[in-house]
PDB file of N, CA and C in Angstrom:
ATOM      1  N   UNK A   1     125.150  63.023 174.157  1.00  0.00           N
ATOM      2  CA  UNK A   1     125.142  64.439 173.946  1.00  0.00           C
ATOM      3  C   UNK A   1     125.778  64.748 171.881  1.00  0.00           C
ATOM      4  N   UNK A   2     126.903  63.554 171.587  1.00  0.00           N
ATOM      5  CA  UNK A   2     127.019  63.750 169.920  1.00  0.00           C
ATOM      6  C   UNK A   2     125.589  63.179 169.056  1.00  0.00           C
ATOM      7  N   UNK A   3     125.212  62.560 170.154  1.00  0.00           N
ATOM      8  CA  UNK A   3     123.724  62.138 168.519  1.00  0.00           C
ATOM      9  C   UNK A   3     123.049  63.334 168.931  1.00  0.00           C
ATOM     10  N   UNK A   4     122.845  64.357 170.218  1.00  0.00           N
ATOM     11  CA  UNK A   4     121.871  65.203 169.881  1.00  0.00           C
ATOM     12  C   UNK A   4     122.314  66.324 168.655  1.00  0.00           C
ATOM     13  N   UNK A   5     123.737  66.411 168.591  1.00  0.00           N
ATOM     14  CA  UNK A   5     124.755  67.309 167.774  1.00  0.00           C
ATOM     15  C   UNK A   5     123.610  66.747 166.785  1.00  0.00           C
ATOM     16  N   UNK A   6     123.938  65.178 166.198  1.00  0.00           N
ATOM     17  CA  UNK A   6     124.526  65.192 164.799  1.00  0.00           C
ATOM     18  C   UNK A   6     122.304  65.081 164.287  1.00  0.00           C
ATOM     19  N   UNK A   7     121.777  64.992 165.453  1.00  0.00           N
ATOM     20  CA  UNK A   7     120.308  64.916 165.379  1.00  0.00           C
ATOM     21  C   UNK A   7     119.852  66.526 164.914  1.00  0.00           C
ATOM     22  N   UNK A   8     120.879  67.831 165.250  1.00  0.00           N
ATOM     23  CA  UNK A   8     120.347  68.628 164.800  1.00  0.00           C
ATOM     24  C   UNK A   8     120.910  68.929 163.784  1.00  0.00           C
ATOM     25  N   UNK A   9     122.217  68.651 162.861  1.00  0.00           N
ATOM     26  CA  UNK A   9     122.601  68.842 161.993  1.00  0.00           C
ATOM     27  C   UNK A   9     121.910  68.534 161.215  1.00  0.00           C
ATOM     28  N   UNK A  10     120.993  66.964 161.150  1.00  0.00           N
ATOM     29  CA  UNK A  10     120.338  66.964 160.322  1.00  0.00           C
ATOM     30  C   UNK A  10     118.742  67.732 160.132  1.00  0.00           C
ATOM     31  N   UNK A  11     118.102  67.969 160.961  1.00  0.00           N
ATOM     32  CA  UNK A  11     117.494  68.833 161.357  1.00  0.00           C
ATOM     33  C   UNK A  11     117.534  70.003 160.493  1.00  0.00           C
ATOM     34  N   UNK A  12     118.559  70.640 160.463  1.00  0.00           N
ATOM     35  CA  UNK A  12     119.076  71.965 159.736  1.00  0.00           C
ATOM     36  C   UNK A  12     119.401  71.623 158.143  1.00  0.00           C
ATOM     37  N   UNK A  13     119.924  70.231 157.959  1.00  0.00           N
ATOM     38  CA  UNK A  13     120.257  69.989 156.548  1.00  0.00           C
ATOM     39  C   UNK A  13     118.727  70.085 155.932  1.00  0.00           C
ATOM     40  N   UNK A  14     117.896  69.117 156.293  1.00  0.00           N
ATOM     41  CA  UNK A  14     116.442  68.704 156.160  1.00  0.00           C
ATOM     42  C   UNK A  14     115.791  70.352 155.810  1.00  0.00           C
ATOM     43  N   UNK A  15     116.299  71.356 156.859  1.00  0.00           N
ATOM     44  CA  UNK A  15     115.120  72.408 156.809  1.00  0.00           C
ATOM     45  C   UNK A  15     115.965  74.008 155.686  1.00  0.00           C
ATOM     46  N   UNK A  16     117.249  73.588 155.242  1.00  0.00           N
ATOM     47  CA  UNK A  16     118.020  73.873 154.830  1.00  0.00           C
ATOM     48  C   UNK A  16     117.616  73.592 153.132  1.00  0.00           C
ATOM     49  N   UNK A  17     116.899  72.223 152.850  1.00  0.00           N
ATOM     50  CA  UNK A  17     116.801  71.576 151.760  1.00  0.00           C
ATOM     51  C   UNK A  17     115.735  71.805 151.575  1.00  0.00           C
ATOM     52  N   UNK A  18     114.489  72.058 152.344  1.00  0.00           N
ATOM     53  CA  UNK A  18     113.148  72.649 151.993  1.00  0.00           C
ATOM     54  C   UNK A  18     113.283  74.150 151.942  1.00  0.00           C
ATOM     55  N   UNK A  19     114.101  74.644 152.482  1.00  0.00           N
ATOM     56  CA  UNK A  19     114.144  76.188 151.636  1.00  0.00           C
ATOM     57  C   UNK A  19     114.643  76.046 150.487  1.00  0.00           C
ATOM     58  N   UNK A  20     115.605  75.348 150.350  1.00  0.00           N
ATOM     59  CA  UNK A  20     116.375  75.241 148.689  1.00  0.00           C
ATOM     60  C   UNK A  20     114.972  75.094 147.825  1.00  0.00           C
ATOM     61  N   UNK A  21     114.469  73.692 147.935  1.00  0.00           N
ATOM     62  CA  UNK A  21     113.109  73.580 147.103  1.00  0.00           C
ATOM     63  C   UNK A  21     111.886  74.533 147.046  1.00  0.00           C
ATOM     64  N   UNK A  22     112.009  75.439 147.941  1.00  0.00           N
ATOM     65  CA  UNK A  22     110.800  76.142 147.819  1.00  0.00           C
ATOM     66  C   UNK A  22     111.512  77.535 146.927  1.00  0.00           C
ATOM     67  N   UNK A  23     112.623  77.921 146.920  1.00  0.00           N
ATOM     68  CA  UNK A  23     112.725  79.034 146.397  1.00  0.00           C
ATOM     69  C   UNK A  23     113.043  78.561 145.299  1.00  0.00           C
ATOM     70  N   UNK A  24     113.740  77.422 144.501  1.00  0.00           N
ATOM     71  CA  UNK A  24     113.519  76.673 143.261  1.00  0.00           C
ATOM     72  C   UNK A  24     112.396  76.588 142.494  1.00  0.00           C
ATOM     73  N   UNK A  25     111.083  76.332 143.514  1.00  0.00           N
ATOM     74  CA  UNK A  25     110.103  76.412 142.451  1.00  0.00           C
ATOM     75  C   UNK A  25     109.559  77.923 142.656  1.00  0.00           C
ATOM     76  N   UNK A  26     110.017  78.828 143.378  1.00  0.00           N
ATOM     77  CA  UNK A  26     109.502  80.361 143.069  1.00  0.00           C
ATOM     78  C   UNK A  26     109.904  80.680 142.284  1.00  0.00           C
ATOM     79  N   UNK A  27     111.420  80.066 141.799  1.00  0.00           N
ATOM     80  CA  UNK A  27     112.133  80.478 140.331  1.00  0.00           C
ATOM     81  C   UNK A  27     111.326  80.273 139.559  1.00  0.00           C
ATOM     82  N   UNK A  28     111.434  78.959 139.719  1.00  0.00           N
ATOM     83  CA  UNK A  28     110.663  78.399 138.248  1.00  0.00           C
ATOM     84  C   UNK A  28     109.073  78.964 137.866  1.00  0.00           C
ATOM     85  N   UNK A  29     108.519  79.152 138.748  1.00  0.00           N
ATOM     86  CA  UNK A  29     106.683  79.661 138.851  1.00  0.00           C
ATOM     87  C   UNK A  29     106.794  80.940 138.208  1.00  0.00           C
ATOM     88  N   UNK A  30     108.019  81.906 139.208  1.00  0.00           N
ATOM     89  CA  UNK A  30     108.575  83.394 138.192  1.00  0.00           C
ATOM     90  C   UNK A  30     108.631  83.299 136.726  1.00  0.00           C
ATOM     91  N   UNK A  31     109.520  82.385 136.740  1.00  0.00           N
ATOM     92  CA  UNK A  31     109.864  82.325 135.191  1.00  0.00           C
ATOM     93  C   UNK A  31     108.927  82.122 133.984  1.00  0.00           C
ATOM     94  N   UNK A  32     107.843  81.303 134.779  1.00  0.00           N
ATOM     95  CA  UNK A  32     106.783  80.790 134.144  1.00  0.00           C
ATOM     96  C   UNK A  32     105.620  82.294 133.912  1.00  0.00           C
ATOM     97  N   UNK A  33     105.625  82.643 134.823  1.00  0.00           N
ATOM     98  CA  UNK A  33     104.753  83.923 135.091  1.00  0.00           C
ATOM     99  C   UNK A  33     105.361  84.891 133.889  1.00  0.00           C
ATOM    100  N   UNK A  34     106.624  84.984 133.989  1.00  0.00           N
ATOM    101  CA  UNK A  34     107.215  85.962 133.056  1.00  0.00           C
ATOM    102  C   UNK A  34     107.364  86.023 131.533  1.00  0.00           C
ATOM    103  N   UNK A  35     106.963  84.286 131.223  1.00  0.00           N
ATOM    104  CA  UNK A  35     106.663  84.279 129.385  1.00  0.00           C
ATOM    105  C   UNK A  35     105.568  84.248 129.141  1.00  0.00           C
ATOM    106  N   UNK A  36     104.661  84.376 130.443  1.00  0.00           N
ATOM    107  CA  UNK A  36     103.171  84.888 130.286  1.00  0.00           C
ATOM    108  C   UNK A  36     102.470  86.545 129.569  1.00  0.00           C
ATOM    109  N   UNK A  37     103.101  86.730 130.334  1.00  0.00           N
ATOM    110  CA  UNK A  37     103.392  88.237 130.468  1.00  0.00           C
ATOM    111  C   UNK A  37     103.926  88.711 129.217  1.00  0.00           C
ATOM    112  N   UNK A  38     104.842  88.026 128.918  1.00  0.00           N
ATOM    113  CA  UNK A  38     106.090  88.465 127.981  1.00  0.00           C
ATOM    114  C   UNK A  38     105.389  87.810 126.447  1.00  0.00           C
TER     115      UNK A  38
END
């Protein structure tokens, strides 16, 4: 039971990390695009 909760927590943590990485990449690409247009 406890190990299952730990697995879920790890899965959630990894998914959050992936989402944050995607957001960071989107922000970086948006900044680059803005520089191109400006």
